[in-house]
């Protein structure tokens, strides 16, 4: 027995490396061929639906908060239009003139993370949890926008 089987006795999968991508494609094709196996993927579909619903909810309140802020700025002409709210990290972290470096770093990180998740034998569980947690983050962010709207209305 290897150390993974000792640490995770319920794990029945052998590590397959890059061949896991081929297994993923075969699983997708088999699932599309027989709709009776779709029940197995209902939690993933629910996670995708949850993320889409909460993402839409978040975007609605993002637009409402932006419109309310624009109206507030028109009622207060003494406030400069380029006002940046004070943030602790603006003082601590240095200013980068090449802001595109951060975008490339995050993009590379996302690509390698997705490749890593495709190579794990528990990819359906990981994908389901990812979509559900991303939807929950959107929901929490929309609640913060609702609170922001309520504070500006007072």
Protein backbone atom coordinates (compact mmCIF):
# COMPACT_ATOMS: atom_id res chain seq x y z
CA UNK A 1 0.00 0.00 0.00
CA UNK A 2 1.24 3.48 -0.81
CA UNK A 3 0.97 6.42 1.55
CA UNK A 4 -2.12 7.82 -0.18
CA UNK A 5 -4.07 4.61 0.37
CA UNK A 6 -3.04 4.64 4.02
CA UNK A 7 -4.00 8.27 4.45
CA UNK A 8 -7.21 8.00 2.41
CA UNK A 9 -8.52 4.42 2.69
CA UNK A 10 -11.75 5.30 0.88
CA UNK A 11 -9.78 6.43 -2.21
CA UNK A 12 -10.02 3.72 -4.82
CA UNK A 13 -8.49 5.73 -7.67
CA UNK A 14 -4.96 5.25 -8.88
CA UNK A 15 -3.11 8.40 -9.97
CA UNK A 16 -3.20 8.60 -13.77
CA UNK A 17 -1.65 12.02 -14.48
CA UNK A 18 -2.43 13.41 -17.91
CA UNK A 19 -4.60 10.38 -18.74
CA UNK A 20 -7.17 11.82 -16.32
CA UNK A 21 -8.06 14.36 -19.00
CA UNK A 22 -8.83 11.50 -21.38
CA UNK A 23 -10.93 9.88 -18.64
CA UNK A 24 -12.80 13.16 -18.18
CA UNK A 25 -13.59 13.38 -21.89
CA UNK A 26 -14.78 9.75 -21.90
CA UNK A 27 -16.99 10.43 -18.85
CA UNK A 28 -18.56 13.44 -20.58
CA UNK A 29 -19.22 11.46 -23.78
CA UNK A 30 -20.70 8.51 -21.83
CA UNK A 31 -22.93 10.85 -19.87
CA UNK A 32 -24.23 12.53 -23.01
CA UNK A 33 -24.94 9.14 -24.60
CA UNK A 34 -27.07 7.81 -21.73
CA UNK A 35 -29.32 10.36 -20.03
CA UNK A 36 -29.97 7.96 -17.14
CA UNK A 37 -26.55 8.86 -15.73
CA UNK A 38 -27.45 12.55 -15.65
CA UNK A 39 -28.85 12.11 -12.13
CA UNK A 40 -25.28 11.64 -11.01
CA UNK A 41 -24.42 15.16 -12.19
CA UNK A 42 -27.45 16.99 -10.77
CA UNK A 43 -25.40 18.48 -7.89
CA UNK A 44 -22.97 19.95 -10.43
CA UNK A 45 -25.85 21.38 -12.47
CA UNK A 46 -27.31 22.83 -9.27
CA UNK A 47 -23.93 24.42 -8.45
CA UNK A 48 -23.72 26.01 -11.90
CA UNK A 49 -27.33 27.23 -11.61
CA UNK A 50 -26.66 28.60 -8.11
CA UNK A 51 -23.58 30.48 -9.32
CA UNK A 52 -25.47 31.92 -12.30
CA UNK A 53 -28.44 32.99 -10.17
CA UNK A 54 -26.29 34.60 -7.48
CA UNK A 55 -24.05 36.21 -10.10
CA UNK A 56 -27.08 37.80 -11.73
CA UNK A 57 -28.40 38.93 -8.32
CA UNK A 58 -24.97 40.44 -7.57
CA UNK A 59 -24.84 42.28 -10.90
CA UNK A 60 -28.28 43.81 -10.33
CA UNK A 61 -27.25 45.24 -6.97
CA UNK A 62 -23.88 46.34 -8.36
CA UNK A 63 -25.70 48.46 -10.96
CA UNK A 64 -28.09 49.84 -8.33
CA UNK A 65 -25.23 50.82 -6.05
CA UNK A 66 -23.34 52.47 -8.92
CA UNK A 67 -26.42 54.46 -9.98
CA UNK A 68 -27.05 55.56 -6.40
CA UNK A 69 -23.43 56.67 -6.04
CA UNK A 70 -23.67 58.66 -9.30
CA UNK A 71 -26.81 60.41 -8.03
CA UNK A 72 -25.12 61.14 -4.71
CA UNK A 73 -22.12 62.69 -6.50
CA UNK A 74 -24.46 64.96 -8.50
CA UNK A 75 -26.07 66.19 -5.27
CA UNK A 76 -22.62 66.95 -3.76
CA UNK A 77 -20.60 68.99 -6.28
CA UNK A 78 -17.92 69.79 -3.68
CA UNK A 79 -16.74 66.16 -3.72
CA UNK A 80 -14.08 65.56 -6.43
CA UNK A 81 -15.06 63.07 -9.14
CA UNK A 82 -11.81 61.12 -8.82
CA UNK A 83 -12.35 60.41 -5.12
CA UNK A 84 -10.68 57.20 -3.99
CA UNK A 85 -11.85 55.84 -0.67
CA UNK A 86 -9.05 55.44 1.87
CA UNK A 87 -7.65 51.94 2.10
CA UNK A 88 -5.00 50.55 4.39
CA UNK A 89 -3.32 48.58 1.62
CA UNK A 90 -2.83 51.68 -0.54
CA UNK A 91 -0.40 52.88 2.11
CA UNK A 92 1.29 49.54 2.78
CA UNK A 93 1.75 48.12 -0.72
CA UNK A 94 3.81 49.84 -3.41
CA UNK A 95 2.21 51.33 -6.50
CA UNK A 96 2.71 49.35 -9.72
CA UNK A 97 2.70 51.27 -12.97
CA UNK A 98 2.45 47.99 -14.87
CA UNK A 99 -0.92 46.84 -13.55
CA UNK A 100 -1.22 44.27 -16.33
CA UNK A 101 1.38 42.11 -14.53
CA UNK A 102 -1.17 41.30 -11.81
CA UNK A 103 -3.76 40.31 -14.43
CA UNK A 104 -1.33 37.93 -16.11
CA UNK A 105 -0.31 36.45 -12.76
CA UNK A 106 -3.92 35.79 -11.78
CA UNK A 107 -4.70 34.35 -15.24
CA UNK A 108 -1.76 31.93 -15.02
CA UNK A 109 -2.80 30.95 -11.51
CA UNK A 110 -6.37 30.22 -12.64
CA UNK A 111 -5.17 28.15 -15.62
CA UNK A 112 -2.82 26.01 -13.50
CA UNK A 113 -5.48 25.57 -10.82
CA UNK A 114 -7.99 24.34 -13.40
CA UNK A 115 -5.44 21.95 -14.87
CA UNK A 116 -4.75 20.62 -11.37
CA UNK A 117 -8.46 20.09 -10.73
CA UNK A 118 -8.87 18.24 -14.02
CA UNK A 119 -6.11 15.82 -13.03
CA UNK A 120 -7.63 14.85 -9.69
CA UNK A 121 -9.87 11.79 -9.52
CA UNK A 122 -12.44 13.76 -7.50
CA UNK A 123 -12.90 16.43 -10.17
CA UNK A 124 -16.70 16.35 -10.10
CA UNK A 125 -16.71 17.00 -6.35
CA UNK A 126 -14.18 19.82 -6.74
CA UNK A 127 -16.13 21.43 -9.59
CA UNK A 128 -19.42 21.17 -7.67
CA UNK A 129 -17.91 22.80 -4.59
CA UNK A 130 -16.21 25.49 -6.66
CA UNK A 131 -19.44 26.57 -8.36
CA UNK A 132 -21.42 26.48 -5.11
CA UNK A 133 -18.82 28.51 -3.21
CA UNK A 134 -18.47 31.02 -6.06
CA UNK A 135 -22.25 31.51 -6.03
CA UNK A 136 -22.20 31.97 -2.25
CA UNK A 137 -19.46 34.59 -2.60
CA UNK A 138 -21.61 36.42 -5.17
CA UNK A 139 -24.56 36.28 -2.76
CA UNK A 140 -22.54 37.66 0.15
CA UNK A 141 -21.17 40.41 -2.09
CA UNK A 142 -24.68 41.37 -3.15
CA UNK A 143 -25.70 41.62 0.52
CA UNK A 144 -22.81 44.02 1.08
CA UNK A 145 -24.07 46.10 -1.87
CA UNK A 146 -27.57 46.10 -0.36
CA UNK A 147 -26.13 47.39 2.92
CA UNK A 148 -24.16 50.00 1.01
CA UNK A 149 -27.36 51.14 -0.70
CA UNK A 150 -29.20 51.32 2.63
CA UNK A 151 -26.43 53.46 4.15
CA UNK A 152 -26.43 55.94 1.27
CA UNK A 153 -30.22 56.28 1.41
CA UNK A 154 -30.10 57.51 5.01
